[in-house]
C-alpha cells in the first residue's frame, strides 16, 4: 500500500494503515475476505429476521466502522448511524421481530430462581 505523492492517503490513520498492511503482508486476505462476506450475510439475515437486534446491530456498526477507517465513504456512515440507533433501541426492536419470542426464553437462562422452601 503506497501513500500518494499528492493529496491524502485513503487510510488517514497511521495505526490503522499499519494494521491493514500487517494483514496484507501475512496474506490474511485469503481467508478474511470469506469471513467478512459470511459475516455480512449472517448480520443481514439476523437483522431482517429480528434476531438479537442489539448485538447484531453492534457487530454491524463495528464492521461499518472498519470500512470507514479504511477510507470507504459511500453509504457506510449512514449505516453506522442506523446501527447505533438500533443498538440504542434494541428493547423496542424486540417487539417486532423474532426477538419477541426469543429474548424471553434466552433471558430465562439467567433469571431462573430456586423454589423457595416453606
Protein backbone atom coordinates (compact mmCIF):
# COMPACT_ATOMS: atom_id res chain seq x y z
CA UNK A 1 0.00 0.00 0.00
CA UNK A 2 1.55 3.25 -1.06
CA UNK A 3 0.76 6.77 0.04
CA UNK A 4 0.12 9.04 -2.96
CA UNK A 5 2.70 11.78 -3.62
CA UNK A 6 -0.02 14.45 -3.65
CA UNK A 7 -3.21 14.57 -1.67
CA UNK A 8 -4.02 12.43 1.28
CA UNK A 9 -3.92 8.64 1.58
CA UNK A 10 -7.17 6.65 1.55
CA UNK A 11 -6.46 5.48 5.11
CA UNK A 12 -5.87 8.59 7.21
CA UNK A 13 -4.74 6.98 10.47
CA UNK A 14 -1.23 5.50 10.59
CA UNK A 15 -2.12 2.84 13.16
CA UNK A 16 -4.99 1.54 11.02
CA UNK A 17 -2.84 1.67 7.87
CA UNK A 18 -0.18 -0.38 9.69
CA UNK A 19 -2.86 -2.85 10.82
CA UNK A 20 -4.10 -3.30 7.23
CA UNK A 21 -0.53 -3.55 5.93
CA UNK A 22 0.24 -6.26 8.51
CA UNK A 23 -2.82 -8.19 7.34
CA UNK A 24 -1.71 -7.83 3.71
CA UNK A 25 1.85 -8.93 4.49
CA UNK A 26 0.59 -12.00 6.34
CA UNK A 27 -1.76 -12.80 3.42
CA UNK A 28 -4.71 -12.90 5.79
CA UNK A 29 -6.95 -11.76 2.93
CA UNK A 30 -7.05 -15.35 1.63
CA UNK A 31 -9.47 -16.35 4.41
CA UNK A 32 -10.52 -13.00 5.89
CA UNK A 33 -12.46 -11.93 2.77
CA UNK A 34 -14.63 -15.05 3.10
CA UNK A 35 -15.08 -14.33 6.81
CA UNK A 36 -16.29 -10.78 6.04
CA UNK A 37 -18.69 -11.96 3.32
CA UNK A 38 -20.21 -14.64 5.55
CA UNK A 39 -20.40 -12.16 8.43
CA UNK A 40 -22.25 -9.64 6.27
CA UNK A 41 -24.71 -12.33 5.15
CA UNK A 42 -25.37 -13.54 8.70
CA UNK A 43 -25.77 -9.99 10.01
CA UNK A 44 -28.17 -9.11 7.19
CA UNK A 45 -30.29 -12.22 7.75
CA UNK A 46 -30.36 -11.67 11.52
CA UNK A 47 -31.43 -8.04 11.11
CA UNK A 48 -34.17 -8.99 8.63
CA UNK A 49 -35.42 -11.77 10.89
CA UNK A 50 -35.14 -9.61 14.00
CA UNK A 51 -32.84 -11.94 15.94
CA UNK A 52 -30.68 -10.42 18.71
CA UNK A 53 -31.10 -6.93 17.24
CA UNK A 54 -28.91 -5.14 19.80
CA UNK A 55 -25.93 -7.47 19.43
CA UNK A 56 -26.34 -7.81 15.66
CA UNK A 57 -26.53 -4.03 15.20
CA UNK A 58 -23.42 -3.60 17.35
CA UNK A 59 -21.46 -6.05 15.17
CA UNK A 60 -22.79 -4.38 12.00
CA UNK A 61 -21.74 -0.99 13.35
CA UNK A 62 -18.27 -2.35 14.14
CA UNK A 63 -17.97 -3.66 10.57
CA UNK A 64 -19.05 -0.31 9.16
CA UNK A 65 -16.60 1.50 11.42
CA UNK A 66 -13.81 -0.64 9.93
CA UNK A 67 -14.96 0.15 6.40
CA UNK A 68 -14.97 3.87 7.23
CA UNK A 69 -11.49 3.64 8.77
CA UNK A 70 -10.25 2.01 5.56
CA UNK A 71 -11.37 5.05 3.56
CA UNK A 72 -14.71 3.90 2.18
CA UNK A 73 -17.12 6.82 2.25
CA UNK A 74 -20.16 5.63 0.25
CA UNK A 75 -23.16 4.84 2.49
CA UNK A 76 -21.20 3.41 5.42
CA UNK A 77 -21.60 6.47 7.69
CA UNK A 78 -25.38 6.25 7.24
CA UNK A 79 -25.35 2.53 8.00
CA UNK A 80 -23.23 3.21 11.09
CA UNK A 81 -25.80 5.75 12.28
CA UNK A 82 -28.61 3.25 11.75
CA UNK A 83 -26.64 0.60 13.66
CA UNK A 84 -26.13 2.97 16.59
CA UNK A 85 -29.86 3.77 16.54
CA UNK A 86 -30.74 0.05 16.59
CA UNK A 87 -28.33 -0.61 19.46
CA UNK A 88 -29.98 2.16 21.44
CA UNK A 89 -33.49 0.98 20.53
CA UNK A 90 -32.96 -2.77 20.94
CA UNK A 91 -35.70 -3.16 23.54
CA UNK A 92 -38.29 -1.58 21.27
CA UNK A 93 -36.98 -3.52 18.27
CA UNK A 94 -37.59 -6.70 20.29
CA UNK A 95 -41.35 -6.25 19.91
CA UNK A 96 -41.28 -6.57 16.13
CA UNK A 97 -39.05 -9.47 15.05
CA UNK A 98 -38.22 -12.91 16.37
CA UNK A 99 -36.67 -11.28 19.45
CA UNK A 100 -40.22 -11.01 20.81
CA UNK A 101 -40.28 -14.80 21.18
CA UNK A 102 -36.56 -15.47 21.55
CA UNK A 103 -35.39 -12.94 24.17
CA UNK A 104 -37.75 -14.07 26.97
CA UNK A 105 -36.53 -17.64 26.58
CA UNK A 106 -32.86 -16.62 26.49
CA UNK A 107 -33.43 -14.32 29.46
CA UNK A 108 -34.86 -17.26 31.41
CA UNK A 109 -31.43 -18.88 31.34
CA UNK A 110 -30.12 -16.14 33.64
CA UNK A 111 -33.21 -15.43 35.71
CA UNK A 112 -34.22 -18.87 36.90
CA UNK A 113 -34.81 -18.86 40.62
CA UNK A 114 -34.74 -21.75 43.04
CA UNK A 115 -38.00 -22.81 44.59
CA UNK A 116 -38.48 -21.23 47.97
CA UNK A 117 -38.81 -23.84 50.68
CA UNK A 118 -41.60 -23.18 53.13
